[in-house]
Amino acid sequence: LKEMYEGYALLVDPTDTNVLAEKILKVAKDNKLKRKMIENGITLSAKLTQVRMIEHTLGAYEKLLGM
């Protein structure tokens, strides 16, 4: 989901538990980063309407089916 969340979230390899723990601690300790991530989440959620998600899903299926 890098394409969707890049620029809005801290991205980590989900199999690298050490890096995941580091990022969680970083957000927990850094109030400025925490506020920025909250703002990013609000901005992103406004873009992710149900209709938009349906359109993206249909587009992905059409691409897979060569339509």
PDB file of N, CA and C in Angstrom:
ATOM      1  N   LEU A   1       0.807  -1.201   0.000  1.00  0.00           N
ATOM      2  CA  LEU A   1       0.000   0.000   0.000  1.00  0.00           C
ATOM      3  C   LEU A   1       0.848   1.263   0.000  1.00  0.00           C
ATOM      4  N   LYS A   2       2.090   1.102  -0.373  1.00  0.00           N
ATOM      5  CA  LYS A   2       3.004   2.237  -0.413  1.00  0.00           C
ATOM      6  C   LYS A   2       2.434   3.361  -1.284  1.00  0.00           C
ATOM      7  N   GLU A   3       1.840   3.006  -2.408  1.00  0.00           N
ATOM      8  CA  GLU A   3       1.306   4.007  -3.327  1.00  0.00           C
ATOM      9  C   GLU A   3       0.242   4.866  -2.667  1.00  0.00           C
ATOM     10  N   MET A   4      -0.513   4.287  -1.770  1.00  0.00           N
ATOM     11  CA  MET A   4      -1.612   5.001  -1.138  1.00  0.00           C
ATOM     12  C   MET A   4      -1.156   5.824   0.062  1.00  0.00           C
ATOM     13  N   TYR A   5      -0.231   5.307   0.838  1.00  0.00           N
ATOM     14  CA  TYR A   5       0.102   5.928   2.107  1.00  0.00           C
ATOM     15  C   TYR A   5       1.428   6.692   2.127  1.00  0.00           C
ATOM     16  N   GLU A   6       2.219   6.599   1.063  1.00  0.00           N
ATOM     17  CA  GLU A   6       3.498   7.301   1.046  1.00  0.00           C
ATOM     18  C   GLU A   6       3.251   8.806   1.178  1.00  0.00           C
ATOM     19  N   GLY A   7       3.956   9.426   2.075  1.00  0.00           N
ATOM     20  CA  GLY A   7       3.766  10.842   2.340  1.00  0.00           C
ATOM     21  C   GLY A   7       2.757  11.122   3.430  1.00  0.00           C
ATOM     22  N   TYR A   8       1.992  10.099   3.805  1.00  0.00           N
ATOM     23  CA  TYR A   8       0.986  10.249   4.856  1.00  0.00           C
ATOM     24  C   TYR A   8       1.333   9.459   6.113  1.00  0.00           C
ATOM     25  N   ALA A   9       2.193   8.470   5.984  1.00  0.00           N
ATOM     26  CA  ALA A   9       2.492   7.582   7.108  1.00  0.00           C
ATOM     27  C   ALA A   9       3.964   7.200   7.084  1.00  0.00           C
ATOM     28  N   LEU A  10       4.428   6.665   8.190  1.00  0.00           N
ATOM     29  CA  LEU A  10       5.773   6.104   8.235  1.00  0.00           C
ATOM     30  C   LEU A  10       5.672   4.676   7.722  1.00  0.00           C
ATOM     31  N   LEU A  11       6.374   4.392   6.656  1.00  0.00           N
ATOM     32  CA  LEU A  11       6.285   3.069   6.044  1.00  0.00           C
ATOM     33  C   LEU A  11       7.430   2.196   6.533  1.00  0.00           C
ATOM     34  N   VAL A  12       7.118   0.958   6.850  1.00  0.00           N
ATOM     35  CA  VAL A  12       8.131   0.009   7.310  1.00  0.00           C
ATOM     36  C   VAL A  12       7.868  -1.352   6.688  1.00  0.00           C
ATOM     37  N   ASP A  13       8.905  -2.146   6.621  1.00  0.00           N
ATOM     38  CA  ASP A  13       8.776  -3.535   6.208  1.00  0.00           C
ATOM     39  C   ASP A  13       8.067  -4.265   7.350  1.00  0.00           C
ATOM     40  N   PRO A  14       6.889  -4.819   7.114  1.00  0.00           N
ATOM     41  CA  PRO A  14       6.137  -5.439   8.205  1.00  0.00           C
ATOM     42  C   PRO A  14       6.817  -6.668   8.808  1.00  0.00           C
ATOM     43  N   THR A  15       7.816  -7.198   8.123  1.00  0.00           N
ATOM     44  CA  THR A  15       8.528  -8.358   8.680  1.00  0.00           C
ATOM     45  C   THR A  15       9.714  -7.948   9.546  1.00  0.00           C
ATOM     46  N   ASP A  16      10.049  -6.656   9.533  1.00  0.00           N
ATOM     47  CA  ASP A  16      11.175  -6.160  10.326  1.00  0.00           C
ATOM     48  C   ASP A  16      10.640  -5.572  11.629  1.00  0.00           C
ATOM     49  N   THR A  17      10.511  -6.415  12.618  1.00  0.00           N
ATOM     50  CA  THR A  17       9.905  -5.992  13.879  1.00  0.00           C
ATOM     51  C   THR A  17      10.745  -4.963  14.622  1.00  0.00           C
ATOM     52  N   ASN A  18      12.043  -4.980  14.426  1.00  0.00           N
ATOM     53  CA  ASN A  18      12.895  -3.981  15.081  1.00  0.00           C
ATOM     54  C   ASN A  18      12.611  -2.583  14.557  1.00  0.00           C
ATOM     55  N   VAL A  19      12.539  -2.440  13.247  1.00  0.00           N
ATOM     56  CA  VAL A  19      12.245  -1.136  12.655  1.00  0.00           C
ATOM     57  C   VAL A  19      10.827  -0.708  13.014  1.00  0.00           C
ATOM     58  N   LEU A  20       9.901  -1.634  12.999  1.00  0.00           N
ATOM     59  CA  LEU A  20       8.525  -1.319  13.378  1.00  0.00           C
ATOM     60  C   LEU A  20       8.474  -0.775  14.802  1.00  0.00           C
ATOM     61  N   ALA A  21       9.169  -1.419  15.723  1.00  0.00           N
ATOM     62  CA  ALA A  21       9.216  -0.964  17.116  1.00  0.00           C
ATOM     63  C   ALA A  21       9.857   0.419  17.207  1.00  0.00           C
ATOM     64  N   GLU A  22      10.921   0.652  16.449  1.00  0.00           N
ATOM     65  CA  GLU A  22      11.586   1.958  16.445  1.00  0.00           C
ATOM     66  C   GLU A  22      10.638   3.059  15.986  1.00  0.00           C
ATOM     67  N   LYS A  23       9.881   2.792  14.923  1.00  0.00           N
ATOM     68  CA  LYS A  23       8.949   3.798  14.391  1.00  0.00           C
ATOM     69  C   LYS A  23       7.828   4.074  15.390  1.00  0.00           C
ATOM     70  N   ILE A  24       7.320   3.049  16.041  1.00  0.00           N
ATOM     71  CA  ILE A  24       6.272   3.239  17.037  1.00  0.00           C
ATOM     72  C   ILE A  24       6.786   4.115  18.177  1.00  0.00           C
ATOM     73  N   LEU A  25       7.979   3.823  18.651  1.00  0.00           N
ATOM     74  CA  LEU A  25       8.566   4.629  19.727  1.00  0.00           C
ATOM     75  C   LEU A  25       8.834   6.062  19.269  1.00  0.00           C
ATOM     76  N   LYS A  26       9.268   6.209  18.040  1.00  0.00           N
ATOM     77  CA  LYS A  26       9.535   7.544  17.501  1.00  0.00           C
ATOM     78  C   LYS A  26       8.273   8.399  17.527  1.00  0.00           C
ATOM     79  N   VAL A  27       7.166   7.840  17.077  1.00  0.00           N
ATOM     80  CA  VAL A  27       5.904   8.579  17.073  1.00  0.00           C
ATOM     81  C   VAL A  27       5.441   8.849  18.501  1.00  0.00           C
ATOM     82  N   ALA A  28       5.602   7.884  19.371  1.00  0.00           N
ATOM     83  CA  ALA A  28       5.170   8.047  20.759  1.00  0.00           C
ATOM     84  C   ALA A  28       5.942   9.157  21.468  1.00  0.00           C
ATOM     85  N   LYS A  29       7.203   9.342  21.119  1.00  0.00           N
ATOM     86  CA  LYS A  29       8.056  10.314  21.800  1.00  0.00           C
ATOM     87  C   LYS A  29       8.089  11.691  21.141  1.00  0.00           C
ATOM     88  N   ASP A  30       7.760  11.774  19.866  1.00  0.00           N
ATOM     89  CA  ASP A  30       7.909  13.016  19.101  1.00  0.00           C
ATOM     90  C   ASP A  30       6.533  13.653  18.865  1.00  0.00           C
ATOM     91  N   ASN A  31       6.185  14.632  19.700  1.00  0.00           N
ATOM     92  CA  ASN A  31       4.863  15.256  19.602  1.00  0.00           C
ATOM     93  C   ASN A  31       4.642  15.982  18.279  1.00  0.00           C
ATOM     94  N   LYS A  32       5.694  16.591  17.737  1.00  0.00           N
ATOM     95  CA  LYS A  32       5.563  17.272  16.454  1.00  0.00           C
ATOM     96  C   LYS A  32       5.231  16.267  15.351  1.00  0.00           C
ATOM     97  N   LEU A  33       5.929  15.153  15.342  1.00  0.00           N
ATOM     98  CA  LEU A  33       5.665  14.103  14.363  1.00  0.00           C
ATOM     99  C   LEU A  33       4.265  13.531  14.559  1.00  0.00           C
ATOM    100  N   LYS A  34       3.887  13.331  15.808  1.00  0.00           N
ATOM    101  CA  LYS A  34       2.556  12.795  16.103  1.00  0.00           C
ATOM    102  C   LYS A  34       1.458  13.718  15.557  1.00  0.00           C
ATOM    103  N   ARG A  35       1.602  15.029  15.786  1.00  0.00           N
ATOM    104  CA  ARG A  35       0.612  15.988  15.276  1.00  0.00           C
ATOM    105  C   ARG A  35       0.575  15.972  13.749  1.00  0.00           C
ATOM    106  N   LYS A  36       1.755  15.889  13.133  1.00  0.00           N
ATOM    107  CA  LYS A  36       1.820  15.855  11.671  1.00  0.00           C
ATOM    108  C   LYS A  36       1.134  14.601  11.132  1.00  0.00           C
ATOM    109  N   MET A  37       1.334  13.477  11.777  1.00  0.00           N
ATOM    110  CA  MET A  37       0.697  12.240  11.325  1.00  0.00           C
ATOM    111  C   MET A  37      -0.818  12.299  11.498  1.00  0.00           C
ATOM    112  N   ILE A  38      -1.276  12.936  12.566  1.00  0.00           N
ATOM    113  CA  ILE A  38      -2.721  13.116  12.758  1.00  0.00           C
ATOM    114  C   ILE A  38      -3.294  13.976  11.632  1.00  0.00           C
ATOM    115  N   GLU A  39      -2.608  15.090  11.333  1.00  0.00           N
ATOM    116  CA  GLU A  39      -3.044  15.948  10.231  1.00  0.00           C
ATOM    117  C   GLU A  39      -3.056  15.183   8.911  1.00  0.00           C
ATOM    118  N   ASN A  40      -2.004  14.410   8.669  1.00  0.00           N
ATOM    119  CA  ASN A  40      -1.938  13.610   7.444  1.00  0.00           C
ATOM    120  C   ASN A  40      -3.088  12.614   7.374  1.00  0.00           C
ATOM    121  N   GLY A  41      -3.409  11.995   8.494  1.00  0.00           N
ATOM    122  CA  GLY A  41      -4.507  11.033   8.530  1.00  0.00           C
ATOM    123  C   GLY A  41      -5.838  11.669   8.203  1.00  0.00           C
ATOM    124  N   ILE A  42      -6.062  12.866   8.720  1.00  0.00           N
ATOM    125  CA  ILE A  42      -7.312  13.579   8.433  1.00  0.00           C
ATOM    126  C   ILE A  42      -7.377  13.938   6.954  1.00  0.00           C
ATOM    127  N   THR A  43      -6.268  14.430   6.414  1.00  0.00           N
ATOM    128  CA  THR A  43      -6.215  14.772   4.990  1.00  0.00           C
ATOM    129  C   THR A  43      -6.472  13.547   4.120  1.00  0.00           C
ATOM    130  N   LEU A  44      -5.814  12.445   4.441  1.00  0.00           N
ATOM    131  CA  LEU A  44      -5.981  11.227   3.657  1.00  0.00           C
ATOM    132  C   LEU A  44      -7.399  10.686   3.762  1.00  0.00           C
ATOM    133  N   SER A  45      -7.966  10.705   4.961  1.00  0.00           N
ATOM    134  CA  SER A  45      -9.319  10.154   5.123  1.00  0.00           C
ATOM    135  C   SER A  45     -10.344  10.939   4.309  1.00  0.00           C
ATOM    136  N   ALA A  46     -10.115  12.240   4.133  1.00  0.00           N
ATOM    137  CA  ALA A  46     -11.026  13.040   3.314  1.00  0.00           C
ATOM    138  C   ALA A  46     -10.961  12.627   1.848  1.00  0.00           C
ATOM    139  N   LYS A  47      -9.809  12.114   1.430  1.00  0.00           N
ATOM    140  CA  LYS A  47      -9.636  11.682   0.040  1.00  0.00           C
ATOM    141  C   LYS A  47     -10.171  10.277  -0.202  1.00  0.00           C
ATOM    142  N   LEU A  48     -10.343   9.501   0.847  1.00  0.00           N
ATOM    143  CA  LEU A  48     -10.714   8.094   0.702  1.00  0.00           C
ATOM    144  C   LEU A  48     -12.206   7.877   0.922  1.00  0.00           C
ATOM    145  N   THR A  49     -12.989   8.470   0.062  1.00  0.00           N
ATOM    146  CA  THR A  49     -14.426   8.263   0.150  1.00  0.00           C
ATOM    147  C   THR A  49     -14.760   6.872  -0.372  1.00  0.00           C
ATOM    148  N   GLN A  50     -15.943   6.411  -0.034  1.00  0.00           N
ATOM    149  CA  GLN A  50     -16.365   5.082  -0.475  1.00  0.00           C
ATOM    150  C   GLN A  50     -16.427   5.014  -2.001  1.00  0.00           C
ATOM    151  N   VAL A  51     -16.930   6.037  -2.638  1.00  0.00           N
ATOM    152  CA  VAL A  51     -17.030   6.058  -4.100  1.00  0.00           C
ATOM    153  C   VAL A  51     -15.643   5.992  -4.722  1.00  0.00           C
ATOM    154  N   ARG A  52     -14.717   6.744  -4.170  1.00  0.00           N
ATOM    155  CA  ARG A  52     -13.349   6.732  -4.703  1.00  0.00           C
ATOM    156  C   ARG A  52     -12.720   5.350  -4.562  1.00  0.00           C
ATOM    157  N   MET A  53     -12.942   4.699  -3.437  1.00  0.00           N
ATOM    158  CA  MET A  53     -12.391   3.357  -3.244  1.00  0.00           C
ATOM    159  C   MET A  53     -13.002   2.374  -4.243  1.00  0.00           C
ATOM    160  N   ILE A  54     -14.282   2.489  -4.500  1.00  0.00           N
ATOM    161  CA  ILE A  54     -14.939   1.620  -5.484  1.00  0.00           C
ATOM    162  C   ILE A  54     -14.336   1.856  -6.866  1.00  0.00           C
ATOM    163  N   GLU A  55     -14.135   3.127  -7.224  1.00  0.00           N
ATOM    164  CA  GLU A  55     -13.548   3.444  -8.522  1.00  0.00           C
ATOM    165  C   GLU A  55     -12.143   2.855  -8.659  1.00  0.00           C
ATOM    166  N   HIS A  56     -11.346   2.964  -7.612  1.00  0.00           N
ATOM    167  CA  HIS A  56      -9.991   2.407  -7.657  1.00  0.00           C
ATOM    168  C   HIS A  56     -10.013   0.882  -7.745  1.00  0.00           C
ATOM    169  N   THR A  57     -10.923   0.270  -7.032  1.00  0.00           N
ATOM    170  CA  THR A  57     -11.036  -1.193  -7.074  1.00  0.00           C
ATOM    171  C   THR A  57     -11.448  -1.653  -8.465  1.00  0.00           C
ATOM    172  N   LEU A  58     -12.449  -1.006  -9.035  1.00  0.00           N
ATOM    173  CA  LEU A  58     -12.879  -1.357 -10.388  1.00  0.00           C
ATOM    174  C   LEU A  58     -11.756  -1.129 -11.401  1.00  0.00           C
ATOM    175  N   GLY A  59     -11.026  -0.043 -11.236  1.00  0.00           N
ATOM    176  CA  GLY A  59      -9.901   0.238 -12.127  1.00  0.00           C
ATOM    177  C   GLY A  59      -8.840  -0.848 -12.048  1.00  0.00           C
ATOM    178  N   ALA A  60      -8.586  -1.335 -10.844  1.00  0.00           N
ATOM    179  CA  ALA A  60      -7.599  -2.404 -10.674  1.00  0.00           C
ATOM    180  C   ALA A  60      -8.069  -3.682 -11.357  1.00  0.00           C
ATOM    181  N   TYR A  61      -9.355  -4.020 -11.193  1.00  0.00           N
ATOM    182  CA  TYR A  61      -9.895  -5.213 -11.855  1.00  0.00           C
ATOM    183  C   TYR A  61      -9.833  -5.073 -13.365  1.00  0.00           C
ATOM    184  N   GLU A  62     -10.192  -3.890 -13.873  1.00  0.00           N
ATOM    185  CA  GLU A  62     -10.137  -3.676 -15.320  1.00  0.00           C
ATOM    186  C   GLU A  62      -8.719  -3.823 -15.849  1.00  0.00           C
ATOM    187  N   LYS A  63      -7.769  -3.310 -15.101  1.00  0.00           N
ATOM    188  CA  LYS A  63      -6.356  -3.422 -15.518  1.00  0.00           C
ATOM    189  C   LYS A  63      -5.930  -4.886 -15.538  1.00  0.00           C
ATOM    190  N   LEU A  64      -6.309  -5.630 -14.499  1.00  0.00           N
ATOM    191  CA  LEU A  64      -5.957  -7.042 -14.435  1.00  0.00           C
ATOM    192  C   LEU A  64      -6.581  -7.850 -15.568  1.00  0.00           C
ATOM    193  N   LEU A  65      -7.810  -7.468 -15.934  1.00  0.00           N
ATOM    194  CA  LEU A  65      -8.522  -8.193 -16.987  1.00  0.00           C
ATOM    195  C   LEU A  65      -8.203  -7.677 -18.379  1.00  0.00           C
ATOM    196  N   GLY A  66      -7.375  -6.620 -18.461  1.00  0.00           N
ATOM    197  CA  GLY A  66      -6.985  -6.083 -19.760  1.00  0.00           C
ATOM    198  C   GLY A  66      -8.099  -5.339 -20.458  1.00  0.00           C
ATOM    199  N   MET A  67      -8.961  -4.732 -19.699  1.00  0.00           N
ATOM    200  CA  MET A  67     -10.099  -4.001 -20.281  1.00  0.00           C
ATOM    201  C   MET A  67      -9.734  -2.571 -20.588  1.00  0.00           C
TER     202      MET A  67
END
